[in-house]
Amino acid sequence: MKILNLILLIVLILPVANALTVDSVTQTPSKVIPGQTATIGIEVRNEDSKTIKNIDVKLDLSDPNLPVAPITSSAEKTIDELQEDDTSNLNFNVITLSTAASQIYKIPLIITYQDKDNTKFQKNDFISLIVEAKPNLDISSNNNYVLKGQEQSVLIKVVNSGLAPVKFLSIQLLPSSYYTILSSGTAYLGSIDSDDSDTAEYKIRVDNDAPQNLQLLFTISYRDTSNKLFTDTKYISVNAYTNSEAKQLGLTPSSNLSLVIYIIVGLIVIYIIYRLIRRRKK
C-alpha cells in the first residue's frame, strides 16, 4: 500500500509536458525551390484544464547542415498565455539557401511554457520543410543540316538548365515517314547535373521526299531527386537539303572546286616529271 501511495505521489508531482499540443503545421508554398522564401504556420492548443503562460515556440535552425534561415522575422515566437482549449497560430518566415538540395528537411521544434505555479515544461518535436527544384531539359542539334538520301549521324545535345539534377535519363528518337533510323532509337544518358549537358548520337537516312524543314521528334524520360518519373515530348527542326541544294548554298564542295583542285594537282605532277626529265638529260 505504501508503494502504491508513493507511485501516485510521484505521478502527481511530476511535470506533465503534454498540455500543449501542435494541432497543425502548414507550409506556403507547399514546395519551395532553393533560394525561395516560405511561411511555416504552426497552430498550438492548450489541452490542459488550466491556463498556461510564457509559451515560447522556436524553430531550431542552428544545424549547419540545415539550409534554412529565418527572414524578416525571428525563428522564435512567444505567446503570453493560453486558456483551456484555446489555440494560437504562429507564422515563421524562412528562406532556403540557393545550395539546398531537393529533399524533405526535418526542423527541430522546441516549445517551452509554464503553468500557474511557474513550473517549467519543455516539448521537443519535428516539423518538415519540403524543398523541391524541378529540372528543365532542353534539346538542340549539333547538325546545321542533313542531306537527303544519305546515311549520316545526328548529334542531339541535352541541357539541364534547371536547379536540380536528373537521373536515369533516356532519350528516344521516334520513327517518322521522312527518315529511317539506322542505329538504336534510344540513348541512355544516366545523370545530368544542374547547368550541365550530355550528347546522344543517332544514325539516320533522310528520304528524298522529306520537307526542307524536317522535324525530329523525341521522348525524354527521367527521374528527379525524389524518384518522381517525368516523361516529356520535344522536337527540333533541322534543314534537309539535296546534294545540289547544299552545293548551291556553299555547304558542300562543288564539282567545279573539285575540278580546280584536280587540275592544280595535275600541273604539280607534270612540273615534277618535267624537272626529273631535265635532270636526266643533263
Protein backbone atom coordinates (compact mmCIF):
# COMPACT_ATOMS: atom_id res chain seq x y z
CA MET A 1 0.00 0.00 0.00
CA LYS A 2 2.83 2.37 0.88
CA ILE A 3 4.47 1.65 -2.51
CA LEU A 4 1.21 2.43 -4.34
CA ASN A 5 0.82 5.73 -2.48
CA LEU A 6 4.42 6.64 -3.31
CA ILE A 7 3.83 5.98 -7.02
CA LEU A 8 0.69 8.11 -7.01
CA LEU A 9 2.58 10.93 -5.27
CA ILE A 10 5.36 10.83 -7.85
CA VAL A 11 2.84 10.93 -10.71
CA LEU A 12 1.10 13.93 -9.19
CA ILE A 13 4.25 15.99 -8.67
CA LEU A 14 5.96 15.18 -11.99
CA PRO A 15 5.55 17.90 -14.66
CA VAL A 16 3.31 16.75 -17.47
CA ALA A 17 4.54 18.14 -20.78
CA ASN A 18 1.57 17.14 -22.95
CA ALA A 19 -0.72 20.03 -22.01
CA LEU A 20 0.37 21.97 -25.10
CA THR A 21 -0.02 20.19 -28.42
CA VAL A 22 0.70 21.09 -32.02
CA ASP A 23 -2.60 20.90 -33.88
CA SER A 24 -1.34 21.57 -37.40
CA VAL A 25 1.67 22.66 -39.44
CA THR A 26 1.38 24.32 -42.85
CA GLN A 27 3.93 25.37 -45.46
CA THR A 28 3.29 28.12 -48.03
CA PRO A 29 4.12 27.40 -50.78
CA SER A 30 3.72 23.68 -50.24
CA LYS A 31 7.02 23.07 -52.05
CA VAL A 32 9.78 25.66 -52.02
CA ILE A 33 12.63 25.92 -54.50
CA PRO A 34 16.22 26.70 -53.43
CA GLY A 35 16.64 30.41 -52.69
CA GLN A 36 12.90 30.96 -52.22
CA THR A 37 11.08 32.19 -49.11
CA ALA A 38 8.34 30.25 -47.37
CA THR A 39 5.96 30.70 -44.47
CA ILE A 40 5.62 27.95 -41.89
CA GLY A 41 2.37 28.12 -39.95
CA ILE A 42 2.09 26.34 -36.60
CA GLU A 43 -1.12 26.05 -34.58
CA VAL A 44 -0.76 25.13 -30.90
CA ARG A 45 -3.52 24.20 -28.47
CA ASN A 46 -3.78 24.13 -24.67
CA GLU A 47 -5.37 20.79 -23.84
CA ASP A 48 -4.94 21.27 -20.12
CA SER A 49 -7.80 22.28 -17.83
CA LYS A 50 -5.70 25.19 -16.58
CA THR A 51 -4.19 28.26 -18.11
CA ILE A 52 -0.58 28.03 -19.28
CA LYS A 53 1.70 31.02 -19.85
CA ASN A 54 5.06 32.25 -21.17
CA ILE A 55 4.84 29.95 -24.15
CA ASP A 56 7.93 30.02 -26.39
CA VAL A 57 7.81 28.28 -29.76
CA LYS A 58 11.17 28.01 -31.51
CA LEU A 59 12.40 26.61 -34.81
CA ASP A 60 15.89 25.31 -34.12
CA LEU A 61 17.83 26.26 -37.25
CA SER A 62 21.27 26.02 -35.65
CA ASP A 63 22.33 22.86 -37.52
CA PRO A 64 24.86 23.97 -40.21
CA ASN A 65 23.64 21.15 -42.46
CA LEU A 66 20.14 22.62 -42.46
CA PRO A 67 19.92 25.03 -45.46
CA VAL A 68 17.18 27.15 -43.91
CA ALA A 69 17.38 30.56 -42.24
CA PRO A 70 14.83 32.99 -40.75
CA ILE A 71 13.94 36.06 -42.78
CA THR A 72 12.00 39.24 -41.88
CA SER A 73 11.18 37.70 -38.51
CA SER A 74 12.70 35.68 -35.69
CA ALA A 75 12.74 31.90 -35.54
CA GLU A 76 11.22 32.17 -32.06
CA LYS A 77 7.72 33.35 -31.12
CA THR A 78 6.15 33.98 -27.71
CA ILE A 79 2.56 33.62 -26.53
CA ASP A 80 1.68 35.30 -23.23
CA GLU A 81 -0.91 32.72 -22.19
CA LEU A 82 -3.46 30.23 -23.41
CA GLN A 83 -6.70 29.43 -21.65
CA GLU A 84 -8.13 25.94 -21.55
CA ASP A 85 -8.69 24.56 -25.09
CA ASP A 86 -7.57 27.82 -26.67
CA THR A 87 -5.42 27.83 -29.81
CA SER A 88 -2.87 30.22 -31.24
CA ASN A 89 -1.47 30.45 -34.77
CA LEU A 90 2.15 31.40 -35.33
CA ASN A 91 3.84 32.19 -38.64
CA PHE A 92 7.57 31.85 -39.26
CA ASN A 93 9.14 33.35 -42.37
CA VAL A 94 12.13 31.37 -43.63
CA ILE A 95 14.33 31.26 -46.72
CA THR A 96 16.08 28.26 -48.21
CA LEU A 97 19.68 28.61 -49.29
CA SER A 98 20.38 28.57 -53.02
CA THR A 99 22.54 25.47 -52.49
CA ALA A 100 19.72 23.49 -50.86
CA ALA A 101 19.19 20.03 -52.34
CA SER A 102 15.73 18.83 -53.28
CA GLN A 103 14.54 16.79 -50.32
CA ILE A 104 12.45 16.89 -47.13
CA TYR A 105 14.20 18.62 -44.24
CA LYS A 106 13.36 17.92 -40.60
CA ILE A 107 13.41 21.06 -38.47
CA PRO A 108 13.54 20.64 -34.66
CA LEU A 109 10.66 22.36 -32.88
CA ILE A 110 11.21 23.36 -29.26
CA ILE A 111 8.28 24.55 -27.13
CA THR A 112 8.62 25.70 -23.53
CA TYR A 113 5.88 27.02 -21.21
CA GLN A 114 4.82 27.42 -17.58
CA ASP A 115 1.74 26.53 -15.58
CA LYS A 116 0.11 28.77 -13.00
CA ASP A 117 2.62 27.57 -10.37
CA ASN A 118 5.51 28.66 -12.61
CA THR A 119 6.56 25.08 -13.23
CA LYS A 120 8.51 24.94 -16.49
CA PHE A 121 7.79 22.40 -19.23
CA GLN A 122 9.53 21.63 -22.50
CA LYS A 123 8.22 19.82 -25.55
CA ASN A 124 10.52 18.68 -28.38
CA ASP A 125 9.18 17.78 -31.80
CA PHE A 126 9.98 17.97 -35.52
CA ILE A 127 8.31 19.65 -38.45
CA SER A 128 9.10 19.18 -42.15
CA LEU A 129 10.04 21.60 -44.90
CA ILE A 130 9.78 20.34 -48.48
CA VAL A 131 12.39 21.70 -50.90
CA GLU A 132 11.85 20.68 -54.49
CA ALA A 133 13.52 22.15 -57.56
CA LYS A 134 12.32 20.97 -60.94
CA PRO A 135 14.78 20.05 -63.67
CA ASN A 136 14.41 21.83 -67.00
CA LEU A 137 15.68 19.91 -70.01
CA ASP A 138 16.24 21.46 -73.43
CA ILE A 139 17.47 19.73 -76.58
CA SER A 140 19.23 21.03 -79.66
CA SER A 141 21.00 19.57 -82.69
CA ASN A 142 24.70 20.00 -83.41
CA ASN A 143 23.91 19.45 -87.10
CA ASN A 144 23.36 22.56 -89.21
CA TYR A 145 21.71 20.45 -91.88
CA VAL A 146 21.15 16.90 -93.11
CA LEU A 147 21.44 15.56 -96.65
CA LYS A 148 18.59 13.71 -98.27
CA GLY A 149 19.19 10.17 -99.42
CA GLN A 150 22.37 9.72 -97.38
CA GLU A 151 23.29 7.89 -94.19
CA GLN A 152 24.56 10.33 -91.57
CA SER A 153 24.95 10.90 -87.84
CA VAL A 154 22.76 13.34 -85.94
CA LEU A 155 24.08 14.66 -82.62
CA ILE A 156 21.49 15.76 -80.06
CA LYS A 157 22.59 17.87 -77.10
CA VAL A 158 20.56 17.62 -73.88
CA VAL A 159 20.99 20.56 -71.47
CA ASN A 160 19.71 20.65 -67.89
CA SER A 161 19.06 24.35 -67.24
CA GLY A 162 17.04 23.67 -64.08
CA LEU A 163 18.12 23.90 -60.44
CA ALA A 164 18.01 20.15 -59.75
CA PRO A 165 19.86 17.18 -61.24
CA VAL A 166 18.15 14.38 -63.13
CA LYS A 167 18.92 10.68 -63.16
CA PHE A 168 18.05 7.58 -65.22
CA LEU A 169 17.65 9.82 -68.26
CA SER A 170 16.97 8.25 -71.64
CA ILE A 171 16.09 9.96 -74.91
CA GLN A 172 14.31 8.19 -77.76
CA LEU A 173 14.16 9.33 -81.38
CA LEU A 174 10.65 8.50 -82.60
CA PRO A 175 10.11 6.98 -86.07
CA SER A 176 8.94 9.13 -88.99
CA SER A 177 7.83 8.58 -92.57
CA TYR A 178 10.57 11.04 -93.66
CA TYR A 179 13.61 9.23 -92.29
CA THR A 180 14.83 5.78 -91.33
CA ILE A 181 16.60 5.16 -88.01
CA LEU A 182 19.67 3.01 -88.72
CA SER A 183 21.03 2.86 -85.14
CA SER A 184 19.32 2.24 -81.82
CA GLY A 185 16.50 4.72 -81.40
CA THR A 186 17.07 5.06 -77.66
CA ALA A 187 20.15 6.55 -75.98
CA TYR A 188 20.70 6.22 -72.23
CA LEU A 189 22.49 9.22 -70.72
CA GLY A 190 22.05 8.48 -66.99
CA SER A 191 22.53 11.52 -64.75
CA ILE A 192 22.86 15.16 -65.76
CA ASP A 193 23.61 17.75 -63.07
CA SER A 194 22.15 21.22 -62.97
CA ASP A 195 23.81 23.51 -65.55
CA ASP A 196 25.34 20.53 -67.34
CA SER A 197 24.75 18.69 -70.62
CA ASP A 198 25.28 15.43 -72.48
CA THR A 199 25.05 14.28 -76.09
CA ALA A 200 23.21 11.45 -77.84
CA GLU A 201 24.07 10.23 -81.35
CA TYR A 202 21.75 8.63 -83.90
CA LYS A 203 22.36 7.34 -87.43
CA ILE A 204 19.56 8.10 -89.88
CA ARG A 205 18.85 8.16 -93.61
CA VAL A 206 16.63 11.03 -94.71
CA ASP A 207 14.19 10.25 -97.51
CA ASN A 208 14.37 12.21 -100.75
CA ASP A 209 10.78 13.43 -100.33
CA ALA A 210 11.44 14.83 -96.82
CA PRO A 211 10.45 18.51 -96.33
CA GLN A 212 13.22 21.08 -96.09
CA ASN A 213 12.14 21.91 -92.53
CA LEU A 214 12.49 18.41 -91.08
CA GLN A 215 11.20 17.81 -87.55
CA LEU A 216 12.84 15.19 -85.33
CA LEU A 217 10.54 14.07 -82.51
CA PHE A 218 11.95 12.81 -79.19
CA THR A 219 10.61 11.32 -75.97
CA ILE A 220 12.69 12.07 -72.86
CA SER A 221 12.23 10.04 -69.66
CA TYR A 222 13.98 10.75 -66.36
CA ARG A 223 13.57 10.83 -62.58
CA ASP A 224 14.17 13.73 -60.20
CA THR A 225 15.92 13.54 -56.82
CA SER A 226 12.72 12.28 -55.16
CA ASN A 227 12.49 9.48 -57.78
CA LYS A 228 9.43 11.01 -59.41
CA LEU A 229 9.16 9.90 -63.04
CA PHE A 230 8.87 12.53 -65.78
CA THR A 231 8.22 11.99 -69.49
CA ASP A 232 8.47 14.86 -71.96
CA THR A 233 7.99 15.03 -75.71
CA LYS A 234 10.18 17.52 -77.56
CA TYR A 235 11.08 18.19 -81.15
CA ILE A 236 13.80 20.02 -83.02
CA SER A 237 13.87 21.26 -86.60
CA VAL A 238 16.80 20.73 -88.96
CA ASN A 239 17.23 21.76 -92.58
CA ALA A 240 17.15 18.90 -95.08
CA TYR A 241 18.81 19.52 -98.47
CA THR A 242 19.60 17.58 -101.59
CA ASN A 243 23.24 17.46 -102.69
CA SER A 244 22.66 20.12 -105.35
CA GLU A 245 20.89 22.43 -102.88
CA ALA A 246 23.72 22.02 -100.38
CA LYS A 247 26.30 22.86 -103.07
CA GLN A 248 24.36 25.95 -104.15
CA LEU A 249 24.30 27.14 -100.56
CA GLY A 250 28.04 26.50 -100.21
CA LEU A 251 27.52 23.83 -97.58
CA THR A 252 29.39 21.13 -99.52
CA PRO A 253 32.29 21.43 -102.01
CA SER A 254 31.05 21.98 -105.57
CA SER A 255 32.21 19.86 -108.51
CA ASN A 256 33.89 22.96 -110.05
CA LEU A 257 36.02 23.35 -106.97
CA SER A 258 36.96 19.69 -107.13
CA LEU A 259 37.92 20.09 -110.80
CA VAL A 260 40.16 23.04 -109.97
CA ILE A 261 41.86 21.02 -107.26
CA TYR A 262 42.44 18.12 -109.68
CA ILE A 263 43.92 20.49 -112.31
CA ILE A 264 46.29 22.05 -109.76
CA VAL A 265 47.44 18.64 -108.55
CA GLY A 266 47.90 17.53 -112.19
CA LEU A 267 50.00 20.56 -113.01
CA ILE A 268 52.20 19.96 -109.98
CA VAL A 269 52.75 16.34 -111.04
CA ILE A 270 53.59 17.41 -114.62
CA TYR A 271 56.05 20.00 -113.31
CA ILE A 272 57.79 17.43 -111.11
CA ILE A 273 58.09 14.99 -114.05
CA TYR A 274 59.43 17.77 -116.27
CA ARG A 275 62.13 18.62 -113.70
CA LEU A 276 63.15 14.99 -113.40
CA ILE A 277 63.49 14.62 -117.18
CA ARG A 278 65.65 17.76 -117.46
CA ARG A 279 67.98 16.49 -114.73
CA ARG A 280 68.49 13.19 -116.56
CA LYS A 281 69.32 14.95 -119.84
CA LYS A 282 71.97 17.00 -118.06
